[in-house]
Amino acid sequence: MTRGFVGTNDNECLSFTKDYFLLQSSFISEIETLITVKIIYKKEKEKQIIVNNSEIKPFSRHIGRIPCITFTPSEITIVNGTPGERRRFIDNAISQTNRRYLDDLLAYRRALNQRNALLLQLHENQKADIETLQLWNQTLSNLAASIVHTRVLFITTFIHQFQEIYARLSVYEYPLILYRCSLGNITSNISHNTLYDLFLLKYKESEKIDILRSQTLTGPHRDDLIFYLNDKEIKKYASQGQLRTFLIALKLAQYRFLYDAIGEKPLCLLDDIFSELDSSRVNDIFAILETFGQSVITSTERKGISKITSFPVEFIKNMES
């Protein structure tokens, strides 16, 4: 995904006494194609990503080449945190399978910044052409319609994969995922053109308040996913165990979505996935992972699973020395 596993800055990934890091790796696809990846980072210089001996620019071109899902305990914020965490989850899943979506997402962010800058100028009574705002409304509406349309289609497919995985985790609860759009209620069969017209109308209607606040108050950057268990919003009523199980099911369902979409088994990087889970739930997860591709799992204790190759961290240190 071209960035640190837990979202840290590249500079924070350096050893304390070092000025650079170099990562080299080799991957083999399902059709046995070799992919070599080299990442070079030096202080005060731009990071380089080299794939099959060719430098990749922009980095977004690399996303999806090696599909991957991650799990860390801190990602529980996807379930009980801010809407931005859930938007990041859905964007991550779709971007690895849909280059057009990723391009639209990046273009939308640029257009949004431009529109917000113009709104600030209009708010401060600077010399700004109000007609220029109409042009940004059209550009933003087109990109927003494309993003929301793709997200809604994703949820339509993903919800079935998610519910199937959830049912395999010894949980007798009914999960549900709804997409909350800043436009209001929209149906799964809504067209791109209809969304474009709705966004264009909304931006026109909210011009005064947008200028007053110097920001765009409508669009996919304001949308959210709402998670339910037995018709109750999980963010408000679920226990810690339910939150964690819901997150694990989301990640395992994301694997299924990626594999079905591109025919490539994603790499699974799972950090401390088994803590606070009973043995029954752990066995359920292992049974699912056995059908997956390569999984790298960290745990604070050994798990007595015959098909798992395990070794302590000290073993790595000894090899390095």
C-alpha atoms as a PDB file:
ATOM      1  CA  MET A   1       0.000   0.000   0.000  1.00  0.00           C
ATOM      2  CA  THR A   2       3.162   2.197  -0.210  1.00  0.00           C
ATOM      3  CA  ARG A   3       3.039   3.304   3.426  1.00  0.00           C
ATOM      4  CA  GLY A   4       3.777   2.110   6.958  1.00  0.00           C
ATOM      5  CA  PHE A   5       1.726  -0.732   8.399  1.00  0.00           C
ATOM      6  CA  VAL A   6       0.189   1.364  11.184  1.00  0.00           C
ATOM      7  CA  GLY A   7       0.140   4.694   9.372  1.00  0.00           C
ATOM      8  CA  THR A   8       3.394   6.084  10.781  1.00  0.00           C
ATOM      9  CA  ASN A   9       5.507   8.591   8.860  1.00  0.00           C
ATOM     10  CA  ASP A  10       8.442   7.195   6.900  1.00  0.00           C
ATOM     11  CA  ASN A  11      10.846   9.114   9.129  1.00  0.00           C
ATOM     12  CA  GLU A  12       9.467   7.259  12.157  1.00  0.00           C
ATOM     13  CA  CYS A  13      10.272   3.909  10.542  1.00  0.00           C
ATOM     14  CA  LEU A  14      14.023   4.593  10.658  1.00  0.00           C
ATOM     15  CA  SER A  15      16.236   2.940  13.217  1.00  0.00           C
ATOM     16  CA  PHE A  16      17.340   5.578  15.711  1.00  0.00           C
ATOM     17  CA  THR A  17      20.978   5.608  14.553  1.00  0.00           C
ATOM     18  CA  LYS A  18      20.299   5.352  10.812  1.00  0.00           C
ATOM     19  CA  ASP A  19      19.750   7.907   8.059  1.00  0.00           C
ATOM     20  CA  TYR A  20      17.962   5.615   5.599  1.00  0.00           C
ATOM     21  CA  PHE A  21      16.114   2.354   5.206  1.00  0.00           C
ATOM     22  CA  LEU A  22      16.001  -0.098   2.315  1.00  0.00           C
ATOM     23  CA  LEU A  23      13.289  -2.742   1.949  1.00  0.00           C
ATOM     24  CA  GLN A  24      13.562  -5.462  -0.674  1.00  0.00           C
ATOM     25  CA  SER A  25      11.023  -8.191  -1.290  1.00  0.00           C
ATOM     26  CA  SER A  26       9.800 -10.669  -3.875  1.00  0.00           C
ATOM     27  CA  PHE A  27       6.217 -11.771  -4.468  1.00  0.00           C
ATOM     28  CA  ILE A  28       4.791 -14.514  -6.669  1.00  0.00           C
ATOM     29  CA  SER A  29       1.283 -14.047  -8.045  1.00  0.00           C
ATOM     30  CA  GLU A  30      -1.365 -16.725  -8.511  1.00  0.00           C
ATOM     31  CA  ILE A  31      -0.173 -17.186 -12.110  1.00  0.00           C
ATOM     32  CA  GLU A  32       3.422 -17.462 -10.837  1.00  0.00           C
ATOM     33  CA  THR A  33       4.535 -14.059 -12.052  1.00  0.00           C
ATOM     34  CA  LEU A  34       7.488 -12.726 -10.058  1.00  0.00           C
ATOM     35  CA  ILE A  35       7.140  -9.188  -8.693  1.00  0.00           C
ATOM     36  CA  THR A  36      10.136  -7.542  -7.035  1.00  0.00           C
ATOM     37  CA  VAL A  37       9.640  -4.453  -4.900  1.00  0.00           C
ATOM     38  CA  LYS A  38      12.305  -2.152  -3.485  1.00  0.00           C
ATOM     39  CA  ILE A  39      11.570   0.832  -1.241  1.00  0.00           C
ATOM     40  CA  ILE A  40      14.304   3.366  -0.489  1.00  0.00           C
ATOM     41  CA  TYR A  41      13.951   6.193   1.997  1.00  0.00           C
ATOM     42  CA  LYS A  42      16.581   8.733   3.021  1.00  0.00           C
ATOM     43  CA  LYS A  43      16.214  11.690   5.335  1.00  0.00           C
ATOM     44  CA  GLU A  44      15.424  14.929   3.546  1.00  0.00           C
ATOM     45  CA  LYS A  45      14.774  13.049   0.288  1.00  0.00           C
ATOM     46  CA  GLU A  46      11.687  11.697  -1.436  1.00  0.00           C
ATOM     47  CA  LYS A  47      10.883   8.028  -0.938  1.00  0.00           C
ATOM     48  CA  GLN A  48      11.426   5.780  -3.955  1.00  0.00           C
ATOM     49  CA  ILE A  49       9.390   2.719  -4.875  1.00  0.00           C
ATOM     50  CA  ILE A  50      10.935   0.500  -7.532  1.00  0.00           C
ATOM     51  CA  VAL A  51       8.881  -2.386  -8.960  1.00  0.00           C
ATOM     52  CA  ASN A  52      10.507  -4.847 -11.336  1.00  0.00           C
ATOM     53  CA  ASN A  53      13.462  -2.431 -11.678  1.00  0.00           C
ATOM     54  CA  SER A  54      11.215   0.494 -12.712  1.00  0.00           C
ATOM     55  CA  GLU A  55      10.521   3.441 -10.421  1.00  0.00           C
ATOM     56  CA  ILE A  56       6.831   3.994  -9.708  1.00  0.00           C
ATOM     57  CA  LYS A  57       5.394   7.535  -9.832  1.00  0.00           C
ATOM     58  CA  PRO A  58       2.901   8.394  -8.549  1.00  0.00           C
ATOM     59  CA  PHE A  59       2.808   5.807  -5.755  1.00  0.00           C
ATOM     60  CA  SER A  60      -0.914   5.263  -6.363  1.00  0.00           C
ATOM     61  CA  ARG A  61       0.022   3.280  -9.490  1.00  0.00           C
ATOM     62  CA  HIS A  62       1.312   0.525  -7.217  1.00  0.00           C
ATOM     63  CA  ILE A  63      -1.832   0.137  -5.104  1.00  0.00           C
ATOM     64  CA  GLY A  64      -3.625  -3.097  -5.964  1.00  0.00           C
ATOM     65  CA  ARG A  65      -0.600  -4.726  -7.586  1.00  0.00           C
ATOM     66  CA  ILE A  66      -0.091  -6.814  -4.435  1.00  0.00           C
ATOM     67  CA  PRO A  67      -3.506  -7.041  -2.733  1.00  0.00           C
ATOM     68  CA  CYS A  68      -3.311  -6.964   1.029  1.00  0.00           C
ATOM     69  CA  ILE A  69      -5.509  -6.871   4.114  1.00  0.00           C
ATOM     70  CA  THR A  70      -4.304  -5.813   7.542  1.00  0.00           C
ATOM     71  CA  PHE A  71      -5.520  -6.154  11.079  1.00  0.00           C
ATOM     72  CA  THR A  72      -4.284  -4.258  14.126  1.00  0.00           C
ATOM     73  CA  PRO A  73      -6.092  -3.740  17.434  1.00  0.00           C
ATOM     74  CA  SER A  74      -5.988   0.029  16.853  1.00  0.00           C
ATOM     75  CA  GLU A  75      -8.214  -0.429  13.806  1.00  0.00           C
ATOM     76  CA  ILE A  76     -11.160  -0.956  16.143  1.00  0.00           C
ATOM     77  CA  THR A  77     -11.821   2.712  15.350  1.00  0.00           C
ATOM     78  CA  ILE A  78     -13.243   1.504  12.030  1.00  0.00           C
ATOM     79  CA  VAL A  79     -16.171   0.160  14.028  1.00  0.00           C
ATOM     80  CA  ASN A  80     -16.514   2.657  16.872  1.00  0.00           C
ATOM     81  CA  GLY A  81     -14.517   5.690  15.712  1.00  0.00           C
ATOM     82  CA  THR A  82     -15.123   8.651  13.450  1.00  0.00           C
ATOM     83  CA  PRO A  83     -16.702   8.423   9.959  1.00  0.00           C
ATOM     84  CA  GLY A  84     -13.299   9.104   8.423  1.00  0.00           C
ATOM     85  CA  GLU A  85     -12.040   5.713   9.651  1.00  0.00           C
ATOM     86  CA  ARG A  86     -14.894   3.904   7.927  1.00  0.00           C
ATOM     87  CA  ARG A  87     -14.446   5.909   4.718  1.00  0.00           C
ATOM     88  CA  ARG A  88     -10.773   4.910   4.789  1.00  0.00           C
ATOM     89  CA  PHE A  89     -11.788   1.249   5.094  1.00  0.00           C
ATOM     90  CA  ILE A  90     -14.157   1.326   2.132  1.00  0.00           C
ATOM     91  CA  ASP A  91     -11.722   3.374   0.024  1.00  0.00           C
ATOM     92  CA  ASN A  92      -8.914   0.918   0.789  1.00  0.00           C
ATOM     93  CA  ALA A  93     -11.018  -2.064  -0.258  1.00  0.00           C
ATOM     94  CA  ILE A  94     -12.290  -0.575  -3.512  1.00  0.00           C
ATOM     95  CA  SER A  95      -9.023   1.099  -4.543  1.00  0.00           C
ATOM     96  CA  GLN A  96      -7.201  -2.244  -4.605  1.00  0.00           C
ATOM     97  CA  THR A  97      -9.621  -3.573  -7.201  1.00  0.00           C
ATOM     98  CA  ASN A  98     -10.724  -0.502  -9.154  1.00  0.00           C
ATOM     99  CA  ARG A  99      -8.148   1.863 -10.670  1.00  0.00           C
ATOM    100  CA  ARG A 100     -10.861   4.233 -11.915  1.00  0.00           C
ATOM    101  CA  TYR A 101     -12.188   4.625  -8.377  1.00  0.00           C
ATOM    102  CA  LEU A 102      -8.752   5.463  -6.993  1.00  0.00           C
ATOM    103  CA  ASP A 103      -8.173   8.031  -9.748  1.00  0.00           C
ATOM    104  CA  ASP A 104     -11.588   9.589  -9.087  1.00  0.00           C
ATOM    105  CA  LEU A 105     -10.877   9.683  -5.361  1.00  0.00           C
ATOM    106  CA  LEU A 106      -7.579  11.515  -5.851  1.00  0.00           C
ATOM    107  CA  ALA A 107      -9.140  13.895  -8.379  1.00  0.00           C
ATOM    108  CA  TYR A 108     -12.057  14.558  -6.013  1.00  0.00           C
ATOM    109  CA  ARG A 109      -9.719  15.503  -3.183  1.00  0.00           C
ATOM    110  CA  ARG A 110      -7.883  17.960  -5.437  1.00  0.00           C
ATOM    111  CA  ALA A 111     -11.147  19.487  -6.693  1.00  0.00           C
ATOM    112  CA  LEU A 112     -12.509  19.683  -3.142  1.00  0.00           C
ATOM    113  CA  ASN A 113      -9.431  21.608  -1.999  1.00  0.00           C
ATOM    114  CA  GLN A 114      -9.803  23.984  -4.942  1.00  0.00           C
ATOM    115  CA  ARG A 115     -13.496  24.592  -4.227  1.00  0.00           C
ATOM    116  CA  ASN A 116     -12.809  25.143  -0.522  1.00  0.00           C
ATOM    117  CA  ALA A 117     -10.053  27.642  -1.367  1.00  0.00           C
ATOM    118  CA  LEU A 118     -12.494  29.536  -3.597  1.00  0.00           C
ATOM    119  CA  LEU A 119     -15.150  29.470  -0.868  1.00  0.00           C
ATOM    120  CA  LEU A 120     -12.641  31.040   1.526  1.00  0.00           C
ATOM    121  CA  GLN A 121     -11.889  33.800  -0.989  1.00  0.00           C
ATOM    122  CA  LEU A 122     -15.593  34.504  -1.409  1.00  0.00           C
ATOM    123  CA  HIS A 123     -16.066  34.504   2.354  1.00  0.00           C
ATOM    124  CA  GLU A 124     -13.296  37.059   2.810  1.00  0.00           C
ATOM    125  CA  ASN A 125     -14.725  39.196  -0.008  1.00  0.00           C
ATOM    126  CA  GLN A 126     -11.605  38.748  -2.045  1.00  0.00           C
ATOM    127  CA  LYS A 127     -11.732  39.098  -5.798  1.00  0.00           C
ATOM    128  CA  ALA A 128     -13.232  35.807  -6.885  1.00  0.00           C
ATOM    129  CA  ASP A 129     -15.585  35.027  -9.714  1.00  0.00           C
ATOM    130  CA  ILE A 130     -18.783  33.402  -8.479  1.00  0.00           C
ATOM    131  CA  GLU A 131     -19.132  31.794 -11.911  1.00  0.00           C
ATOM    132  CA  THR A 132     -15.930  29.866 -11.230  1.00  0.00           C
ATOM    133  CA  LEU A 133     -17.745  28.255  -8.326  1.00  0.00           C
ATOM    134  CA  GLN A 134     -20.311  26.853 -10.765  1.00  0.00           C
ATOM    135  CA  LEU A 135     -17.507  25.181 -12.725  1.00  0.00           C
ATOM    136  CA  TRP A 136     -16.136  23.564  -9.576  1.00  0.00           C
ATOM    137  CA  ASN A 137     -19.671  22.484  -8.667  1.00  0.00           C
ATOM    138  CA  GLN A 138     -19.923  20.614 -11.958  1.00  0.00           C
ATOM    139  CA  THR A 139     -16.495  19.001 -11.612  1.00  0.00           C
ATOM    140  CA  LEU A 140     -17.103  17.994  -8.015  1.00  0.00           C
ATOM    141  CA  SER A 141     -20.603  16.684  -8.783  1.00  0.00           C
ATOM    142  CA  ASN A 142     -19.304  14.396 -11.520  1.00  0.00           C
ATOM    143  CA  LEU A 143     -16.543  12.957  -9.324  1.00  0.00           C
ATOM    144  CA  ALA A 144     -18.796  12.689  -6.265  1.00  0.00           C
ATOM    145  CA  ALA A 145     -21.446  10.846  -8.279  1.00  0.00           C
ATOM    146  CA  SER A 146     -18.870   8.351  -9.536  1.00  0.00           C
ATOM    147  CA  ILE A 147     -17.439   7.728  -6.051  1.00  0.00           C
ATOM    148  CA  VAL A 148     -20.804   7.320  -4.324  1.00  0.00           C
ATOM    149  CA  HIS A 149     -22.155   5.110  -7.114  1.00  0.00           C
ATOM    150  CA  THR A 150     -19.138   2.792  -6.802  1.00  0.00           C
ATOM    151  CA  ARG A 151     -19.386   2.709  -3.007  1.00  0.00           C
ATOM    152  CA  VAL A 152     -23.063   1.764  -3.109  1.00  0.00           C
ATOM    153  CA  LEU A 153     -22.347  -1.053  -5.564  1.00  0.00           C
ATOM    154  CA  PHE A 154     -19.513  -2.222  -3.299  1.00  0.00           C
ATOM    155  CA  ILE A 155     -21.790  -2.397  -0.258  1.00  0.00           C
ATOM    156  CA  THR A 156     -24.378  -4.363  -2.254  1.00  0.00           C
ATOM    157  CA  THR A 157     -21.783  -7.070  -2.963  1.00  0.00           C
ATOM    158  CA  PHE A 158     -19.767  -6.844   0.244  1.00  0.00           C
ATOM    159  CA  ILE A 159     -22.689  -7.203   2.653  1.00  0.00           C
ATOM    160  CA  HIS A 160     -23.376 -10.786   1.536  1.00  0.00           C
ATOM    161  CA  GLN A 161     -19.706 -11.784   1.867  1.00  0.00           C
ATOM    162  CA  PHE A 162     -19.553 -10.116   5.270  1.00  0.00           C
ATOM    163  CA  GLN A 163     -22.691 -11.803   6.618  1.00  0.00           C
ATOM    164  CA  GLU A 164     -21.442 -15.194   5.423  1.00  0.00           C
ATOM    165  CA  ILE A 165     -18.112 -14.742   7.229  1.00  0.00           C
ATOM    166  CA  TYR A 166     -19.822 -13.427  10.360  1.00  0.00           C
ATOM    167  CA  ALA A 167     -22.046 -16.499  10.527  1.00  0.00           C
ATOM    168  CA  ARG A 168     -18.923 -18.697  10.632  1.00  0.00           C
ATOM    169  CA  LEU A 169     -17.563 -17.052  13.777  1.00  0.00           C
ATOM    170  CA  SER A 170     -19.856 -18.866  16.240  1.00  0.00           C
ATOM    171  CA  VAL A 171     -21.912 -15.702  16.575  1.00  0.00           C
ATOM    172  CA  TYR A 172     -25.685 -15.869  16.584  1.00  0.00           C
ATOM    173  CA  GLU A 173     -26.345 -12.264  15.690  1.00  0.00           C
ATOM    174  CA  TYR A 174     -27.497 -10.574  12.510  1.00  0.00           C
ATOM    175  CA  PRO A 175     -25.078  -7.928  11.197  1.00  0.00           C
ATOM    176  CA  LEU A 176     -25.969  -5.204   8.726  1.00  0.00           C
ATOM    177  CA  ILE A 177     -24.095  -2.409   6.932  1.00  0.00           C
ATOM    178  CA  LEU A 178     -25.808   0.690   5.554  1.00  0.00           C
ATOM    179  CA  TYR A 179     -24.304   3.511   3.520  1.00  0.00           C
ATOM    180  CA  ARG A 180     -25.249   6.943   4.848  1.00  0.00           C
ATOM    181  CA  CYS A 181     -24.968   9.519   2.070  1.00  0.00           C
ATOM    182  CA  SER A 182     -24.796  13.275   2.652  1.00  0.00           C
ATOM    183  CA  LEU A 183     -27.505  13.596  -0.003  1.00  0.00           C
ATOM    184  CA  GLY A 184     -29.931  11.681   2.186  1.00  0.00           C
ATOM    185  CA  ASN A 185     -31.502   8.307   1.475  1.00  0.00           C
ATOM    186  CA  ILE A 186     -30.431   6.761  -1.821  1.00  0.00           C
ATOM    187  CA  THR A 187     -31.264   3.353  -3.248  1.00  0.00           C
ATOM    188  CA  SER A 188     -28.798   0.754  -4.506  1.00  0.00           C
ATOM    189  CA  ASN A 189     -30.075   1.040  -8.088  1.00  0.00           C
ATOM    190  CA  ILE A 190     -29.528   4.787  -8.373  1.00  0.00           C
ATOM    191  CA  SER A 191     -27.687   5.838 -11.538  1.00  0.00           C
ATOM    192  CA  HIS A 192     -24.593   7.966 -11.935  1.00  0.00           C
ATOM    193  CA  ASN A 193     -26.533  10.616 -13.855  1.00  0.00           C
ATOM    194  CA  THR A 194     -29.152  10.885 -11.125  1.00  0.00           C
ATOM    195  CA  LEU A 195     -26.457  11.271  -8.488  1.00  0.00           C
ATOM    196  CA  TYR A 196     -24.770  13.953 -10.601  1.00  0.00           C
ATOM    197  CA  ASP A 197     -27.998  15.960 -10.819  1.00  0.00           C
ATOM    198  CA  LEU A 198     -28.602  15.599  -7.082  1.00  0.00           C
ATOM    199  CA  PHE A 199     -25.105  16.741  -6.164  1.00  0.00           C
ATOM    200  CA  LEU A 200     -25.262  19.672  -8.575  1.00  0.00           C
ATOM    201  CA  LEU A 201     -28.560  20.789  -7.064  1.00  0.00           C
ATOM    202  CA  LYS A 202     -27.252  20.333  -3.519  1.00  0.00           C
ATOM    203  CA  TYR A 203     -24.127  22.399  -4.168  1.00  0.00           C
ATOM    204  CA  LYS A 204     -26.253  25.172  -5.657  1.00  0.00           C
ATOM    205  CA  GLU A 205     -28.645  25.136  -2.701  1.00  0.00           C
ATOM    206  CA  SER A 206     -25.857  25.192  -0.111  1.00  0.00           C
ATOM    207  CA  GLU A 207     -23.698  27.902  -1.709  1.00  0.00           C
ATOM    208  CA  LYS A 208     -24.442  30.529   0.940  1.00  0.00           C
ATOM    209  CA  ILE A 209     -23.766  28.269   3.916  1.00  0.00           C
ATOM    210  CA  ASP A 210     -20.670  26.796   2.203  1.00  0.00           C
ATOM    211  CA  ILE A 211     -19.277  30.300   1.664  1.00  0.00           C
ATOM    212  CA  LEU A 212     -20.120  31.250   5.240  1.00  0.00           C
ATOM    213  CA  ARG A 213     -18.212  28.246   6.598  1.00  0.00           C
ATOM    214  CA  SER A 214     -15.553  28.254   3.840  1.00  0.00           C
ATOM    215  CA  GLN A 215     -15.957  24.525   3.303  1.00  0.00           C
ATOM    216  CA  THR A 216     -17.957  22.064   1.240  1.00  0.00           C
ATOM    217  CA  LEU A 217     -20.552  20.440   3.478  1.00  0.00           C
ATOM    218  CA  THR A 218     -21.856  17.835   1.017  1.00  0.00           C
ATOM    219  CA  GLY A 219     -20.067  15.012  -0.754  1.00  0.00           C
ATOM    220  CA  PRO A 220     -18.492  11.574  -0.289  1.00  0.00           C
ATOM    221  CA  HIS A 221     -15.974  13.116   2.137  1.00  0.00           C
ATOM    222  CA  ARG A 222     -18.931  13.522   4.526  1.00  0.00           C
ATOM    223  CA  ASP A 223     -20.501  10.068   4.074  1.00  0.00           C
ATOM    224  CA  ASP A 224     -20.420   7.214   6.559  1.00  0.00           C
ATOM    225  CA  LEU A 225     -21.014   3.495   7.014  1.00  0.00           C
ATOM    226  CA  ILE A 226     -23.480   2.533   9.741  1.00  0.00           C
ATOM    227  CA  PHE A 227     -22.953  -0.874  11.362  1.00  0.00           C
ATOM    228  CA  TYR A 228     -25.767  -2.783  13.052  1.00  0.00           C
ATOM    229  CA  LEU A 229     -26.102  -5.931  15.142  1.00  0.00           C
ATOM    230  CA  ASN A 230     -29.636  -7.248  15.559  1.00  0.00           C
ATOM    231  CA  ASP A 231     -31.016  -3.926  14.314  1.00  0.00           C
ATOM    232  CA  LYS A 232     -29.090  -1.926  16.940  1.00  0.00           C
ATOM    233  CA  GLU A 233     -26.279   0.451  15.982  1.00  0.00           C
ATOM    234  CA  ILE A 234     -23.106  -1.313  17.076  1.00  0.00           C
ATOM    235  CA  LYS A 235     -21.243   1.900  17.862  1.00  0.00           C
ATOM    236  CA  LYS A 236     -23.739   2.712  20.615  1.00  0.00           C
ATOM    237  CA  TYR A 237     -24.649  -0.646  22.136  1.00  0.00           C
ATOM    238  CA  ALA A 238     -22.035  -3.335  21.382  1.00  0.00           C
ATOM    239  CA  SER A 239     -19.630  -4.862  23.893  1.00  0.00           C
ATOM    240  CA  GLN A 240     -15.861  -4.866  23.337  1.00  0.00           C
ATOM    241  CA  GLY A 241     -16.045  -8.492  22.231  1.00  0.00           C
ATOM    242  CA  GLN A 242     -18.753  -7.702  19.693  1.00  0.00           C
ATOM    243  CA  LEU A 243     -16.785  -4.724  18.351  1.00  0.00           C
ATOM    244  CA  ARG A 244     -13.665  -6.836  17.894  1.00  0.00           C
ATOM    245  CA  THR A 245     -15.555  -9.714  16.272  1.00  0.00           C
ATOM    246  CA  PHE A 246     -17.264  -7.280  13.910  1.00  0.00           C
ATOM    247  CA  LEU A 247     -13.892  -5.814  12.889  1.00  0.00           C
ATOM    248  CA  ILE A 248     -12.373  -9.251  12.299  1.00  0.00           C
ATOM    249  CA  ALA A 249     -15.343 -10.224  10.132  1.00  0.00           C
ATOM    250  CA  LEU A 250     -14.962  -6.987   8.132  1.00  0.00           C
ATOM    251  CA  LYS A 251     -11.323  -7.784   7.430  1.00  0.00           C
ATOM    252  CA  LEU A 252     -11.922 -11.415   6.506  1.00  0.00           C
ATOM    253  CA  ALA A 253     -14.800 -10.376   4.235  1.00  0.00           C
ATOM    254  CA  GLN A 254     -12.506  -7.805   2.623  1.00  0.00           C
ATOM    255  CA  TYR A 255     -10.199 -10.688   1.702  1.00  0.00           C
ATOM    256  CA  ARG A 256     -13.099 -12.502   0.041  1.00  0.00           C
ATOM    257  CA  PHE A 257     -14.094  -9.349  -1.833  1.00  0.00           C
ATOM    258  CA  LEU A 258     -10.570  -8.748  -3.164  1.00  0.00           C
ATOM    259  CA  TYR A 259     -10.110 -12.361  -4.224  1.00  0.00           C
ATOM    260  CA  ASP A 260     -13.466 -12.527  -6.010  1.00  0.00           C
ATOM    261  CA  ALA A 261     -12.805  -9.204  -7.752  1.00  0.00           C
ATOM    262  CA  ILE A 262      -9.282  -9.794  -9.082  1.00  0.00           C
ATOM    263  CA  GLY A 263      -8.653 -13.533  -8.740  1.00  0.00           C
ATOM    264  CA  GLU A 264      -5.549 -12.966  -6.618  1.00  0.00           C
ATOM    265  CA  LYS A 265      -5.257 -14.148  -3.012  1.00  0.00           C
ATOM    266  CA  PRO A 266      -4.377 -11.139  -0.868  1.00  0.00           C
ATOM    267  CA  LEU A 267      -1.542 -11.212   1.614  1.00  0.00           C
ATOM    268  CA  CYS A 268      -2.862 -11.128   5.203  1.00  0.00           C
ATOM    269  CA  LEU A 269      -0.914  -9.145   7.813  1.00  0.00           C
ATOM    270  CA  LEU A 270      -2.626  -9.783  11.126  1.00  0.00           C
ATOM    271  CA  ASP A 271      -1.252  -8.219  14.297  1.00  0.00           C
ATOM    272  CA  ASP A 272      -2.488  -9.603  17.629  1.00  0.00           C
ATOM    273  CA  ILE A 273      -5.762 -10.754  16.101  1.00  0.00           C
ATOM    274  CA  PHE A 274      -6.481 -13.402  18.756  1.00  0.00           C
ATOM    275  CA  SER A 275      -6.242 -11.416  21.982  1.00  0.00           C
ATOM    276  CA  GLU A 276      -9.431 -11.309  24.075  1.00  0.00           C
ATOM    277  CA  LEU A 277     -10.986 -14.124  22.005  1.00  0.00           C
ATOM    278  CA  ASP A 278     -12.053 -17.497  23.397  1.00  0.00           C
ATOM    279  CA  SER A 279     -10.655 -20.738  21.969  1.00  0.00           C
ATOM    280  CA  SER A 280     -13.822 -21.405  19.965  1.00  0.00           C
ATOM    281  CA  ARG A 281     -13.578 -18.076  18.153  1.00  0.00           C
ATOM    282  CA  VAL A 282      -9.828 -18.593  17.548  1.00  0.00           C
ATOM    283  CA  ASN A 283     -10.517 -21.978  15.959  1.00  0.00           C
ATOM    284  CA  ASP A 284     -13.226 -20.447  13.769  1.00  0.00           C
ATOM    285  CA  ILE A 285     -10.790 -17.801  12.504  1.00  0.00           C
ATOM    286  CA  PHE A 286      -8.089 -20.376  11.802  1.00  0.00           C
ATOM    287  CA  ALA A 287     -10.585 -22.499   9.879  1.00  0.00           C
ATOM    288  CA  ILE A 288     -11.304 -19.493   7.646  1.00  0.00           C
ATOM    289  CA  LEU A 289      -7.633 -18.537   7.272  1.00  0.00           C
ATOM    290  CA  GLU A 290      -6.797 -22.074   6.115  1.00  0.00           C
ATOM    291  CA  THR A 291      -8.748 -21.325   2.928  1.00  0.00           C
ATOM    292  CA  PHE A 292      -6.851 -18.070   2.375  1.00  0.00           C
ATOM    293  CA  GLY A 293      -3.417 -17.431   0.902  1.00  0.00           C
ATOM    294  CA  GLN A 294      -0.320 -16.471   2.863  1.00  0.00           C
ATOM    295  CA  SER A 295      -0.978 -15.017   6.304  1.00  0.00           C
ATOM    296  CA  VAL A 296       1.577 -13.455   8.625  1.00  0.00           C
ATOM    297  CA  ILE A 297       0.251 -13.377  12.192  1.00  0.00           C
ATOM    298  CA  THR A 298       1.731 -11.934  15.371  1.00  0.00           C
ATOM    299  CA  SER A 299       0.614 -13.146  18.779  1.00  0.00           C
ATOM    300  CA  THR A 300       1.748 -12.814  22.368  1.00  0.00           C
ATOM    301  CA  GLU A 301       1.530 -16.580  22.820  1.00  0.00           C
ATOM    302  CA  ARG A 302       1.858 -19.700  20.729  1.00  0.00           C
ATOM    303  CA  LYS A 303      -1.308 -21.232  19.318  1.00  0.00           C
ATOM    304  CA  GLY A 304      -1.527 -25.009  19.183  1.00  0.00           C
ATOM    305  CA  ILE A 305      -2.572 -25.175  15.541  1.00  0.00           C
ATOM    306  CA  SER A 306      -0.817 -27.890  13.532  1.00  0.00           C
ATOM    307  CA  LYS A 307      -0.913 -26.085  10.186  1.00  0.00           C
ATOM    308  CA  ILE A 308       0.760 -22.941  11.508  1.00  0.00           C
ATOM    309  CA  THR A 309       4.521 -22.410  11.324  1.00  0.00           C
ATOM    310  CA  SER A 310       5.520 -20.340  14.349  1.00  0.00           C
ATOM    311  CA  PHE A 311       8.725 -18.983  15.845  1.00  0.00           C
ATOM    312  CA  PRO A 312       9.590 -16.489  18.588  1.00  0.00           C
ATOM    313  CA  VAL A 313      10.836 -12.985  17.883  1.00  0.00           C
ATOM    314  CA  GLU A 314      14.166 -13.887  19.528  1.00  0.00           C
ATOM    315  CA  PHE A 315      14.753 -16.296  16.656  1.00  0.00           C
ATOM    316  CA  ILE A 316      14.740 -13.369  14.213  1.00  0.00           C
ATOM    317  CA  LYS A 317      17.152 -11.433  16.412  1.00  0.00           C
ATOM    318  CA  ASN A 318      19.549 -14.353  16.513  1.00  0.00           C
ATOM    319  CA  MET A 319      19.442 -14.654  12.728  1.00  0.00           C
ATOM    320  CA  GLU A 320      20.230 -10.954  12.359  1.00  0.00           C
ATOM    321  CA  SER A 321      23.208 -11.210  14.703  1.00  0.00           C
END
